[in-house]
């Protein structure tokens, strides 16, 4: 059987200013100066939801009794595994 030698390369990340420079350059090259500027200034709605809001929505969707029942069941199962 032939043995295969596996080698790994270190990954070198670009500096942020280089990423921005290359990205803007690619936009200008692909879209032209006017459309690239339009793209860069488009107002985008924030899609990231605040973690507190996300947690409150999750809590509101819970059936409290069922949730506690599941938590207690999992706790008992963990306790049995440890003994």
N, C-alpha and C. Protein backbone atom coordinates (compact mmCIF):
# COMPACT_ATOMS: atom_id res chain seq x y z
N UNK A 1 0.84 -1.18 0.00
CA UNK A 1 0.00 0.00 0.00
C UNK A 1 0.89 1.24 0.00
N UNK A 2 0.53 2.20 -0.83
CA UNK A 2 1.32 3.42 -0.94
C UNK A 2 0.89 4.40 0.14
N UNK A 3 1.86 4.97 0.82
CA UNK A 3 1.58 5.92 1.89
C UNK A 3 1.45 7.32 1.30
N UNK A 4 0.41 8.04 1.73
CA UNK A 4 0.21 9.41 1.24
C UNK A 4 0.63 10.40 2.31
N UNK A 5 1.35 11.38 1.91
CA UNK A 5 1.79 12.42 2.83
C UNK A 5 0.83 13.60 2.73
N UNK A 6 0.28 14.00 3.84
CA UNK A 6 -0.66 15.12 3.86
C UNK A 6 0.06 16.34 4.42
N UNK A 7 -0.02 17.42 3.69
CA UNK A 7 0.58 18.66 4.17
C UNK A 7 -0.51 19.72 4.30
N UNK A 8 -0.31 20.60 5.23
CA UNK A 8 -1.28 21.68 5.45
C UNK A 8 -0.58 23.01 5.23
N UNK A 9 -1.30 23.94 4.59
CA UNK A 9 -0.77 25.27 4.40
C UNK A 9 -1.37 26.20 5.45
N UNK A 10 -0.57 27.11 5.93
CA UNK A 10 -1.10 28.14 6.82
C UNK A 10 -1.92 29.12 6.00
N UNK A 11 -3.03 29.52 6.54
CA UNK A 11 -3.90 30.47 5.86
C UNK A 11 -3.52 31.87 6.33
N UNK A 12 -3.26 32.74 5.39
CA UNK A 12 -2.94 34.11 5.71
C UNK A 12 -4.11 34.98 5.28
N UNK A 13 -4.71 35.67 6.23
CA UNK A 13 -5.83 36.54 5.93
C UNK A 13 -5.34 37.92 5.54
N UNK A 14 -6.08 38.54 4.64
CA UNK A 14 -5.75 39.90 4.22
C UNK A 14 -6.11 40.88 5.34
N UNK A 15 -5.39 41.97 5.37
CA UNK A 15 -5.73 43.04 6.30
C UNK A 15 -7.05 43.66 5.85
N UNK A 16 -7.82 44.22 6.78
CA UNK A 16 -9.13 44.77 6.45
C UNK A 16 -9.06 45.86 5.39
N UNK A 17 -8.06 46.73 5.47
CA UNK A 17 -7.98 47.80 4.47
C UNK A 17 -7.72 47.23 3.08
N UNK A 18 -7.00 46.12 2.99
CA UNK A 18 -6.75 45.47 1.69
C UNK A 18 -8.03 44.84 1.15
N UNK A 19 -8.83 44.24 2.04
CA UNK A 19 -10.11 43.65 1.63
C UNK A 19 -11.03 44.74 1.08
N UNK A 20 -11.09 45.86 1.79
CA UNK A 20 -11.94 46.97 1.34
C UNK A 20 -11.45 47.50 0.01
N UNK A 21 -10.14 47.69 -0.14
CA UNK A 21 -9.58 48.20 -1.38
C UNK A 21 -9.92 47.28 -2.55
N UNK A 22 -9.72 45.97 -2.35
CA UNK A 22 -10.01 45.02 -3.43
C UNK A 22 -11.50 44.93 -3.73
N UNK A 23 -12.31 44.97 -2.69
CA UNK A 23 -13.76 44.89 -2.89
C UNK A 23 -14.29 46.08 -3.66
N UNK A 24 -13.87 47.27 -3.27
CA UNK A 24 -14.31 48.48 -3.97
C UNK A 24 -13.79 48.47 -5.41
N UNK A 25 -12.57 48.03 -5.58
CA UNK A 25 -12.00 47.94 -6.93
C UNK A 25 -12.82 46.99 -7.80
N UNK A 26 -13.22 45.84 -7.24
CA UNK A 26 -14.03 44.87 -7.98
C UNK A 26 -15.40 45.45 -8.32
N UNK A 27 -15.99 46.18 -7.37
CA UNK A 27 -17.29 46.81 -7.64
C UNK A 27 -17.17 47.82 -8.77
N UNK A 28 -16.16 48.67 -8.71
CA UNK A 28 -15.98 49.67 -9.76
C UNK A 28 -15.73 49.02 -11.10
N UNK A 29 -14.94 47.95 -11.10
CA UNK A 29 -14.63 47.26 -12.36
C UNK A 29 -15.89 46.62 -12.94
N UNK A 30 -16.69 45.98 -12.09
CA UNK A 30 -17.86 45.24 -12.56
C UNK A 30 -19.05 46.16 -12.84
N UNK A 31 -19.29 47.14 -11.96
CA UNK A 31 -20.48 47.97 -12.08
C UNK A 31 -20.24 49.34 -12.71
N UNK A 32 -19.01 49.77 -12.70
CA UNK A 32 -18.72 51.14 -13.13
C UNK A 32 -18.83 52.07 -11.93
N UNK A 33 -18.28 53.28 -12.04
CA UNK A 33 -18.23 54.17 -10.87
C UNK A 33 -19.59 54.60 -10.33
N UNK A 34 -20.53 54.91 -11.19
CA UNK A 34 -21.84 55.38 -10.71
C UNK A 34 -22.61 54.28 -9.99
N UNK A 35 -22.71 53.11 -10.61
CA UNK A 35 -23.46 52.02 -9.99
C UNK A 35 -22.75 51.49 -8.74
N UNK A 36 -21.43 51.51 -8.74
CA UNK A 36 -20.69 51.08 -7.54
C UNK A 36 -21.00 52.02 -6.38
N UNK A 37 -21.01 53.33 -6.64
CA UNK A 37 -21.36 54.30 -5.59
C UNK A 37 -22.78 54.09 -5.12
N UNK A 38 -23.70 53.86 -6.06
CA UNK A 38 -25.11 53.59 -5.68
C UNK A 38 -25.19 52.37 -4.77
N UNK A 39 -24.47 51.30 -5.17
CA UNK A 39 -24.49 50.08 -4.37
C UNK A 39 -23.98 50.34 -2.96
N UNK A 40 -22.90 51.08 -2.84
CA UNK A 40 -22.29 51.33 -1.54
C UNK A 40 -23.15 52.22 -0.64
N UNK A 41 -24.06 52.99 -1.22
CA UNK A 41 -24.89 53.89 -0.42
C UNK A 41 -26.34 53.43 -0.27
N UNK A 42 -26.67 52.25 -0.77
CA UNK A 42 -28.04 51.73 -0.64
C UNK A 42 -28.36 51.57 0.84
N UNK A 43 -29.52 52.08 1.22
CA UNK A 43 -29.99 51.92 2.59
C UNK A 43 -30.58 50.52 2.73
N UNK A 44 -30.01 49.74 3.61
CA UNK A 44 -30.48 48.38 3.83
C UNK A 44 -31.14 48.28 5.19
N UNK A 45 -32.29 47.63 5.26
CA UNK A 45 -32.91 47.46 6.59
C UNK A 45 -32.07 46.50 7.43
N UNK A 46 -31.98 46.81 8.70
CA UNK A 46 -31.24 45.92 9.59
C UNK A 46 -32.03 44.64 9.76
N UNK A 47 -31.40 43.53 9.48
CA UNK A 47 -32.07 42.25 9.60
C UNK A 47 -31.66 41.52 10.86
N UNK A 48 -30.64 42.03 11.53
CA UNK A 48 -30.21 41.40 12.77
C UNK A 48 -31.16 41.79 13.87
N UNK A 49 -31.64 40.82 14.54
CA UNK A 49 -32.57 41.07 15.62
C UNK A 49 -31.80 41.11 16.93
N UNK A 50 -32.12 42.05 17.75
CA UNK A 50 -31.48 42.17 19.04
C UNK A 50 -31.68 40.88 19.83
N UNK A 51 -30.64 40.43 20.52
CA UNK A 51 -30.71 39.15 21.23
C UNK A 51 -31.78 39.19 22.33
N UNK A 52 -32.00 40.34 22.95
CA UNK A 52 -33.03 40.44 23.99
C UNK A 52 -34.41 40.26 23.37
N UNK A 53 -34.64 40.91 22.21
CA UNK A 53 -35.93 40.75 21.53
C UNK A 53 -36.14 39.30 21.11
N UNK A 54 -35.08 38.68 20.58
CA UNK A 54 -35.18 37.29 20.16
C UNK A 54 -35.51 36.40 21.36
N UNK A 55 -34.88 36.65 22.50
CA UNK A 55 -35.13 35.86 23.71
C UNK A 55 -36.56 36.06 24.21
N UNK A 56 -37.04 37.29 24.17
CA UNK A 56 -38.42 37.56 24.62
C UNK A 56 -39.44 36.87 23.73
N UNK A 57 -39.19 36.87 22.40
CA UNK A 57 -40.09 36.15 21.49
C UNK A 57 -40.10 34.67 21.81
N UNK A 58 -38.92 34.12 22.06
CA UNK A 58 -38.81 32.70 22.40
C UNK A 58 -39.58 32.41 23.68
N UNK A 59 -39.39 33.26 24.69
CA UNK A 59 -40.09 33.05 25.96
C UNK A 59 -41.60 33.13 25.78
N UNK A 60 -42.05 34.08 24.96
CA UNK A 60 -43.50 34.24 24.75
C UNK A 60 -44.11 33.03 24.06
N UNK A 61 -43.30 32.32 23.29
CA UNK A 61 -43.83 31.16 22.57
C UNK A 61 -43.85 29.89 23.43
N UNK A 62 -43.24 29.96 24.61
CA UNK A 62 -43.14 28.77 25.45
C UNK A 62 -44.42 28.47 26.21
N UNK A 63 -44.68 27.21 26.39
CA UNK A 63 -45.68 26.76 27.35
C UNK A 63 -44.88 26.52 28.63
N UNK A 64 -45.09 27.39 29.62
CA UNK A 64 -44.27 27.36 30.82
C UNK A 64 -44.27 26.00 31.50
N UNK A 65 -45.43 25.40 31.67
CA UNK A 65 -45.50 24.10 32.36
C UNK A 65 -44.76 23.01 31.58
N UNK A 66 -44.94 22.99 30.27
CA UNK A 66 -44.26 22.00 29.44
C UNK A 66 -42.74 22.22 29.45
N UNK A 67 -42.34 23.48 29.41
CA UNK A 67 -40.91 23.80 29.44
C UNK A 67 -40.27 23.30 30.73
N UNK A 68 -40.88 23.62 31.86
CA UNK A 68 -40.31 23.18 33.14
C UNK A 68 -40.32 21.66 33.28
N UNK A 69 -41.35 21.03 32.73
CA UNK A 69 -41.40 19.57 32.75
C UNK A 69 -40.22 18.98 31.99
N UNK A 70 -39.92 19.54 30.82
CA UNK A 70 -38.80 19.06 30.02
C UNK A 70 -37.46 19.32 30.71
N UNK A 71 -37.33 20.48 31.34
CA UNK A 71 -36.10 20.81 32.04
C UNK A 71 -35.88 19.84 33.20
N UNK A 72 -36.91 19.59 33.97
CA UNK A 72 -36.78 18.70 35.12
C UNK A 72 -36.49 17.27 34.67
N UNK A 73 -37.10 16.84 33.59
CA UNK A 73 -36.84 15.50 33.06
C UNK A 73 -35.38 15.38 32.65
N UNK A 74 -34.87 16.39 31.93
CA UNK A 74 -33.46 16.37 31.51
C UNK A 74 -32.53 16.39 32.71
N UNK A 75 -32.90 17.15 33.74
CA UNK A 75 -32.08 17.22 34.95
C UNK A 75 -32.03 15.86 35.64
N UNK A 76 -33.17 15.19 35.74
CA UNK A 76 -33.20 13.85 36.35
C UNK A 76 -32.38 12.86 35.55
N UNK A 77 -32.46 12.94 34.23
CA UNK A 77 -31.70 12.02 33.38
C UNK A 77 -30.20 12.26 33.56
N UNK A 78 -29.77 13.49 33.67
CA UNK A 78 -28.38 13.81 33.90
C UNK A 78 -27.92 13.30 35.26
N UNK A 79 -28.77 13.43 36.27
CA UNK A 79 -28.43 12.97 37.61
C UNK A 79 -28.25 11.46 37.65
N UNK A 80 -29.10 10.74 36.92
CA UNK A 80 -29.02 9.27 36.88
C UNK A 80 -27.72 8.86 36.17
N UNK A 81 -27.33 9.54 35.12
CA UNK A 81 -26.10 9.21 34.39
C UNK A 81 -24.87 9.39 35.25
N UNK A 82 -24.88 10.37 36.14
CA UNK A 82 -23.73 10.65 37.00
C UNK A 82 -23.55 9.63 38.10
N UNK A 83 -24.64 9.00 38.52
CA UNK A 83 -24.53 8.02 39.63
C UNK A 83 -24.26 6.64 39.15
